[in-house]
């Protein structure tokens, strides 16, 4: 927030009502950011699904460790903080895991529909 280790009174004054309003404003901002994150993650998942279809066409494995390593290296490099690089990597490991799960689920459904013909 740009404030060093000063007391909360140094930031917003001692007025509990003012501090409460600031908390609510920050929570509203978090809600807006969460909405953006959901949209971005959905867009990323759509890309992963198309990649999964292309991998299937090329008979490639879903799990591509070199690509995962490249993604993690990239997000660590572009991370401005305040989350440290390890935290960002853990978050993206989870995002990648979910994308891989989604690819596998779609491929499984496609196999089921192909075998049912």
N, C-alpha and C. Protein backbone atom coordinates (compact mmCIF):
# COMPACT_ATOMS: atom_id res chain seq x y z
N UNK A 1 0.82 -1.18 0.00
CA UNK A 1 0.00 0.00 0.00
C UNK A 1 0.86 1.25 0.00
N UNK A 2 2.17 1.08 -0.05
CA UNK A 2 3.03 2.23 -0.09
C UNK A 2 3.40 2.76 1.27
N UNK A 3 2.84 2.20 2.32
CA UNK A 3 3.14 2.65 3.67
C UNK A 3 4.10 1.67 4.31
N UNK A 4 5.12 2.23 4.96
CA UNK A 4 6.04 1.36 5.66
C UNK A 4 5.44 0.95 6.98
N UNK A 5 6.22 0.54 7.89
CA UNK A 5 5.74 -0.10 9.11
C UNK A 5 5.14 0.87 10.12
N UNK A 6 4.58 1.97 9.68
CA UNK A 6 3.96 2.92 10.61
C UNK A 6 2.69 2.36 11.20
N UNK A 7 2.23 2.99 12.25
CA UNK A 7 0.99 2.58 12.89
C UNK A 7 -0.19 2.92 11.99
N UNK A 8 -1.28 2.20 12.13
CA UNK A 8 -2.47 2.44 11.33
C UNK A 8 -2.96 3.88 11.49
N UNK A 9 -2.78 4.46 12.66
CA UNK A 9 -3.19 5.85 12.88
C UNK A 9 -2.41 6.80 11.98
N UNK A 10 -1.15 6.45 11.69
CA UNK A 10 -0.34 7.27 10.80
C UNK A 10 -0.89 7.22 9.37
N UNK A 11 -1.54 6.15 9.02
CA UNK A 11 -2.06 5.99 7.66
C UNK A 11 -3.41 6.67 7.50
N UNK A 12 -4.36 6.38 8.40
CA UNK A 12 -5.75 6.78 8.21
C UNK A 12 -6.30 7.61 9.36
N UNK A 13 -5.50 7.90 10.33
CA UNK A 13 -6.01 8.58 11.51
C UNK A 13 -6.61 7.56 12.47
N UNK A 14 -6.99 8.01 13.61
CA UNK A 14 -7.48 7.10 14.64
C UNK A 14 -8.98 6.85 14.54
N UNK A 15 -9.65 7.45 13.56
CA UNK A 15 -11.11 7.33 13.44
C UNK A 15 -11.50 5.95 12.95
N UNK A 16 -12.12 5.12 13.81
CA UNK A 16 -12.52 3.77 13.40
C UNK A 16 -13.48 3.78 12.21
N UNK A 17 -14.34 4.78 12.11
CA UNK A 17 -15.28 4.84 10.98
C UNK A 17 -14.53 5.03 9.66
N UNK A 18 -13.51 5.88 9.68
CA UNK A 18 -12.71 6.11 8.47
C UNK A 18 -11.96 4.85 8.08
N UNK A 19 -11.43 4.15 9.09
CA UNK A 19 -10.72 2.90 8.81
C UNK A 19 -11.70 1.87 8.26
N UNK A 20 -12.89 1.78 8.84
CA UNK A 20 -13.91 0.86 8.35
C UNK A 20 -14.28 1.13 6.91
N UNK A 21 -14.42 2.42 6.54
CA UNK A 21 -14.74 2.78 5.16
C UNK A 21 -13.62 2.37 4.22
N UNK A 22 -12.41 2.56 4.69
CA UNK A 22 -11.25 2.17 3.85
C UNK A 22 -11.23 0.66 3.64
N UNK A 23 -11.53 -0.10 4.68
CA UNK A 23 -11.58 -1.56 4.56
C UNK A 23 -12.63 -1.95 3.52
N UNK A 24 -13.81 -1.34 3.61
CA UNK A 24 -14.88 -1.66 2.65
C UNK A 24 -14.47 -1.30 1.23
N UNK A 25 -13.82 -0.16 1.05
CA UNK A 25 -13.36 0.24 -0.28
C UNK A 25 -12.34 -0.76 -0.83
N UNK A 26 -11.45 -1.21 0.03
CA UNK A 26 -10.45 -2.19 -0.41
C UNK A 26 -11.10 -3.54 -0.72
N UNK A 27 -12.10 -3.92 0.05
CA UNK A 27 -12.82 -5.17 -0.24
C UNK A 27 -13.56 -5.07 -1.58
N UNK A 28 -14.14 -3.91 -1.86
CA UNK A 28 -14.79 -3.70 -3.16
C UNK A 28 -13.77 -3.84 -4.29
N UNK A 29 -12.60 -3.28 -4.09
CA UNK A 29 -11.53 -3.39 -5.10
C UNK A 29 -11.13 -4.85 -5.27
N UNK A 30 -11.02 -5.59 -4.19
CA UNK A 30 -10.70 -7.02 -4.28
C UNK A 30 -11.77 -7.75 -5.08
N UNK A 31 -13.03 -7.44 -4.84
CA UNK A 31 -14.12 -8.06 -5.60
C UNK A 31 -13.98 -7.78 -7.09
N UNK A 32 -13.67 -6.54 -7.46
CA UNK A 32 -13.47 -6.18 -8.87
C UNK A 32 -12.29 -6.94 -9.46
N UNK A 33 -11.20 -7.00 -8.71
CA UNK A 33 -10.03 -7.73 -9.19
C UNK A 33 -10.33 -9.23 -9.33
N UNK A 34 -11.08 -9.78 -8.39
CA UNK A 34 -11.46 -11.20 -8.47
C UNK A 34 -12.27 -11.46 -9.74
N UNK A 35 -13.19 -10.55 -10.07
CA UNK A 35 -13.97 -10.71 -11.29
C UNK A 35 -13.06 -10.72 -12.52
N UNK A 36 -12.08 -9.84 -12.54
CA UNK A 36 -11.12 -9.81 -13.65
C UNK A 36 -10.32 -11.10 -13.70
N UNK A 37 -9.90 -11.58 -12.53
CA UNK A 37 -9.14 -12.83 -12.49
C UNK A 37 -9.96 -14.00 -13.05
N UNK A 38 -11.23 -14.06 -12.69
CA UNK A 38 -12.09 -15.13 -13.20
C UNK A 38 -12.16 -15.07 -14.72
N UNK A 39 -12.35 -13.87 -15.26
CA UNK A 39 -12.41 -13.73 -16.72
C UNK A 39 -11.08 -14.13 -17.37
N UNK A 40 -9.99 -13.70 -16.79
CA UNK A 40 -8.67 -14.04 -17.33
C UNK A 40 -8.40 -15.54 -17.25
N UNK A 41 -8.75 -16.15 -16.12
CA UNK A 41 -8.54 -17.59 -15.97
C UNK A 41 -9.43 -18.38 -16.94
N UNK A 42 -10.64 -17.90 -17.17
CA UNK A 42 -11.52 -18.56 -18.13
C UNK A 42 -10.95 -18.46 -19.55
N UNK A 43 -10.42 -17.30 -19.89
CA UNK A 43 -9.77 -17.13 -21.19
C UNK A 43 -8.56 -18.04 -21.33
N UNK A 44 -7.79 -18.15 -20.28
CA UNK A 44 -6.62 -19.03 -20.30
C UNK A 44 -7.06 -20.48 -20.47
N UNK A 45 -8.13 -20.87 -19.79
CA UNK A 45 -8.64 -22.24 -19.89
C UNK A 45 -9.13 -22.54 -21.30
N UNK A 46 -9.78 -21.56 -21.93
CA UNK A 46 -10.22 -21.76 -23.32
C UNK A 46 -9.03 -22.01 -24.23
N UNK A 47 -7.97 -21.26 -24.04
CA UNK A 47 -6.75 -21.49 -24.83
C UNK A 47 -6.20 -22.89 -24.58
N UNK A 48 -6.19 -23.30 -23.32
CA UNK A 48 -5.68 -24.63 -22.98
C UNK A 48 -6.52 -25.72 -23.64
N UNK A 49 -7.83 -25.52 -23.72
CA UNK A 49 -8.69 -26.51 -24.37
C UNK A 49 -8.37 -26.64 -25.86
N UNK A 50 -8.14 -25.52 -26.51
CA UNK A 50 -7.78 -25.58 -27.93
C UNK A 50 -6.43 -26.26 -28.09
N UNK A 51 -5.49 -25.94 -27.23
CA UNK A 51 -4.18 -26.59 -27.27
C UNK A 51 -4.35 -28.09 -27.06
N UNK A 52 -5.23 -28.48 -26.13
CA UNK A 52 -5.49 -29.90 -25.90
C UNK A 52 -6.02 -30.59 -27.15
N UNK A 53 -6.91 -29.93 -27.88
CA UNK A 53 -7.43 -30.50 -29.11
C UNK A 53 -6.32 -30.65 -30.15
N UNK A 54 -5.47 -29.65 -30.24
CA UNK A 54 -4.36 -29.72 -31.20
C UNK A 54 -3.36 -30.81 -30.81
N UNK A 55 -3.09 -30.95 -29.51
CA UNK A 55 -2.22 -32.02 -29.04
C UNK A 55 -2.79 -33.38 -29.39
N UNK A 56 -4.11 -33.52 -29.21
CA UNK A 56 -4.76 -34.80 -29.54
C UNK A 56 -4.58 -35.10 -31.02
N UNK A 57 -4.81 -34.08 -31.85
CA UNK A 57 -4.66 -34.24 -33.30
C UNK A 57 -3.24 -34.69 -33.66
N UNK A 58 -2.27 -34.13 -32.96
CA UNK A 58 -0.86 -34.48 -33.22
C UNK A 58 -0.39 -35.69 -32.41
N UNK A 59 -1.31 -36.28 -31.63
CA UNK A 59 -1.02 -37.42 -30.77
C UNK A 59 0.11 -37.10 -29.78
N UNK A 60 0.02 -35.91 -29.22
CA UNK A 60 0.99 -35.48 -28.21
C UNK A 60 0.42 -35.74 -26.83
N UNK A 61 1.29 -35.93 -25.86
CA UNK A 61 0.88 -36.07 -24.47
C UNK A 61 0.34 -34.74 -23.96
N UNK A 62 -0.63 -34.82 -23.06
CA UNK A 62 -1.16 -33.60 -22.45
C UNK A 62 -0.09 -32.93 -21.59
N UNK A 63 0.60 -33.73 -20.80
CA UNK A 63 1.62 -33.19 -19.89
C UNK A 63 2.88 -32.90 -20.67
N UNK A 64 3.27 -31.65 -20.66
CA UNK A 64 4.48 -31.18 -21.34
C UNK A 64 5.37 -30.50 -20.32
N UNK A 65 6.25 -31.26 -19.66
CA UNK A 65 7.04 -30.68 -18.56
C UNK A 65 7.91 -29.49 -18.97
N UNK A 66 8.44 -29.50 -20.17
CA UNK A 66 9.28 -28.38 -20.60
C UNK A 66 8.44 -27.10 -20.72
N UNK A 67 7.22 -27.23 -21.22
CA UNK A 67 6.35 -26.06 -21.33
C UNK A 67 5.96 -25.55 -19.95
N UNK A 68 5.63 -26.47 -19.05
CA UNK A 68 5.28 -26.06 -17.69
C UNK A 68 6.45 -25.30 -17.05
N UNK A 69 7.64 -25.81 -17.23
CA UNK A 69 8.84 -25.15 -16.68
C UNK A 69 9.00 -23.75 -17.28
N UNK A 70 8.75 -23.63 -18.59
CA UNK A 70 8.87 -22.32 -19.25
C UNK A 70 7.83 -21.33 -18.71
N UNK A 71 6.60 -21.81 -18.49
CA UNK A 71 5.55 -20.94 -17.95
C UNK A 71 5.95 -20.46 -16.56
N UNK A 72 6.40 -21.37 -15.72
CA UNK A 72 6.78 -20.99 -14.35
C UNK A 72 7.95 -20.02 -14.35
N UNK A 73 8.91 -20.25 -15.22
CA UNK A 73 10.05 -19.33 -15.32
C UNK A 73 9.56 -17.94 -15.76
N UNK A 74 8.65 -17.92 -16.73
CA UNK A 74 8.13 -16.65 -17.23
C UNK A 74 7.37 -15.88 -16.15
N UNK A 75 6.46 -16.55 -15.43
CA UNK A 75 5.67 -15.82 -14.44
C UNK A 75 6.53 -15.36 -13.27
N UNK A 76 7.56 -16.12 -12.95
CA UNK A 76 8.49 -15.67 -11.91
C UNK A 76 9.19 -14.39 -12.37
N UNK A 77 9.57 -14.36 -13.65
CA UNK A 77 10.33 -13.22 -14.18
C UNK A 77 9.49 -11.95 -14.27
N UNK A 78 8.21 -12.08 -14.57
CA UNK A 78 7.37 -10.88 -14.75
C UNK A 78 6.68 -10.45 -13.46
N UNK A 79 6.87 -11.18 -12.39
CA UNK A 79 6.22 -10.89 -11.11
C UNK A 79 6.78 -9.61 -10.49
N UNK A 80 5.91 -8.59 -10.30
CA UNK A 80 6.39 -7.36 -9.68
C UNK A 80 6.30 -7.35 -8.16
N UNK A 81 5.71 -8.42 -7.56
CA UNK A 81 5.50 -8.44 -6.12
C UNK A 81 4.16 -7.81 -5.79
N UNK A 82 3.71 -7.80 -4.60
CA UNK A 82 4.42 -8.16 -3.38
C UNK A 82 4.51 -9.66 -3.12
N UNK A 83 3.77 -10.50 -3.87
CA UNK A 83 3.96 -11.94 -3.71
C UNK A 83 5.35 -12.31 -4.20
N UNK A 84 6.02 -13.18 -3.47
CA UNK A 84 7.36 -13.56 -3.93
C UNK A 84 7.26 -14.58 -5.07
N UNK A 85 8.38 -14.84 -5.71
CA UNK A 85 8.41 -15.71 -6.89
C UNK A 85 7.90 -17.11 -6.59
N UNK A 86 8.21 -17.64 -5.42
CA UNK A 86 7.74 -18.98 -5.06
C UNK A 86 6.21 -19.00 -4.93
N UNK A 87 5.64 -17.96 -4.36
CA UNK A 87 4.18 -17.89 -4.23
C UNK A 87 3.52 -17.84 -5.60
N UNK A 88 4.06 -17.03 -6.49
CA UNK A 88 3.52 -16.95 -7.85
C UNK A 88 3.64 -18.31 -8.53
N UNK A 89 4.77 -18.96 -8.38
CA UNK A 89 4.96 -20.27 -9.00
C UNK A 89 3.94 -21.28 -8.46
N UNK A 90 3.69 -21.26 -7.15
CA UNK A 90 2.70 -22.18 -6.58
C UNK A 90 1.31 -21.92 -7.15
N UNK A 91 0.94 -20.66 -7.27
CA UNK A 91 -0.36 -20.33 -7.84
C UNK A 91 -0.47 -20.83 -9.28
N UNK A 92 0.57 -20.61 -10.06
CA UNK A 92 0.53 -21.05 -11.45
C UNK A 92 0.63 -22.56 -11.58
N UNK A 93 1.30 -23.22 -10.67
CA UNK A 93 1.29 -24.69 -10.69
C UNK A 93 -0.14 -25.19 -10.56
N UNK A 94 -0.90 -24.57 -9.69
CA UNK A 94 -2.30 -24.97 -9.51
C UNK A 94 -3.13 -24.64 -10.75
N UNK A 95 -2.92 -23.48 -11.34
CA UNK A 95 -3.63 -23.11 -12.57
C UNK A 95 -3.30 -24.11 -13.68
N UNK A 96 -2.04 -24.46 -13.81
CA UNK A 96 -1.62 -25.42 -14.83
C UNK A 96 -2.24 -26.79 -14.56
N UNK A 97 -2.25 -27.21 -13.30
CA UNK A 97 -2.88 -28.50 -12.94
C UNK A 97 -4.34 -28.52 -13.36
N UNK A 98 -5.05 -27.43 -13.11
CA UNK A 98 -6.48 -27.37 -13.46
C UNK A 98 -6.67 -27.37 -14.97
N UNK A 99 -5.80 -26.70 -15.70
CA UNK A 99 -5.88 -26.70 -17.16
C UNK A 99 -5.65 -28.12 -17.69
N UNK A 100 -4.68 -28.80 -17.13
CA UNK A 100 -4.39 -30.18 -17.54
C UNK A 100 -5.57 -31.10 -17.22
N UNK A 101 -6.19 -30.90 -16.05
CA UNK A 101 -7.37 -31.68 -15.67
C UNK A 101 -8.50 -31.44 -16.66
N UNK A 102 -8.70 -30.20 -17.04
CA UNK A 102 -9.73 -29.84 -17.99
C UNK A 102 -9.47 -30.49 -19.35
N UNK A 103 -8.23 -30.44 -19.83
CA UNK A 103 -7.88 -31.08 -21.10
C UNK A 103 -8.19 -32.57 -21.05
N UNK A 104 -7.81 -33.21 -19.95
CA UNK A 104 -8.05 -34.66 -19.83
C UNK A 104 -9.54 -34.97 -19.79
N UNK A 105 -10.33 -34.16 -19.09
CA UNK A 105 -11.76 -34.39 -19.00
C UNK A 105 -12.41 -34.26 -20.38
N UNK A 106 -12.02 -33.27 -21.14
CA UNK A 106 -12.58 -33.08 -22.47
C UNK A 106 -12.20 -34.24 -23.37
N UNK A 107 -10.94 -34.66 -23.32
CA UNK A 107 -10.52 -35.79 -24.13
C UNK A 107 -11.25 -37.07 -23.74
N UNK A 108 -11.49 -37.27 -22.45
CA UNK A 108 -12.21 -38.45 -21.99
C UNK A 108 -13.65 -38.43 -22.52
N UNK A 109 -14.30 -37.27 -22.47
CA UNK A 109 -15.66 -37.15 -23.00
C UNK A 109 -15.69 -37.43 -24.50
N UNK A 110 -14.68 -36.94 -25.19
CA UNK A 110 -14.61 -37.18 -26.64
C UNK A 110 -14.42 -38.65 -26.94
N UNK A 111 -13.59 -39.35 -26.15
CA UNK A 111 -13.39 -40.80 -26.35
C UNK A 111 -14.69 -41.55 -26.11
N UNK A 112 -15.42 -41.13 -25.05
CA UNK A 112 -16.70 -41.78 -24.75
C UNK A 112 -17.69 -41.58 -25.87
N UNK A 113 -17.76 -40.38 -26.42
CA UNK A 113 -18.71 -40.13 -27.49
C UNK A 113 -18.28 -40.84 -28.76
N UNK A 114 -16.98 -40.96 -29.00
CA UNK A 114 -16.49 -41.69 -30.18
C UNK A 114 -16.78 -43.18 -30.07
N UNK A 115 -16.66 -43.73 -28.87
CA UNK A 115 -16.90 -45.17 -28.69
C UNK A 115 -18.38 -45.50 -28.70
N UNK A 116 -19.23 -44.51 -28.46
CA UNK A 116 -20.67 -44.72 -28.43
C UNK A 116 -21.32 -44.65 -29.81
N UNK A 117 -20.52 -44.36 -30.82
CA UNK A 117 -21.07 -44.23 -32.18
C UNK A 117 -21.28 -45.56 -32.84
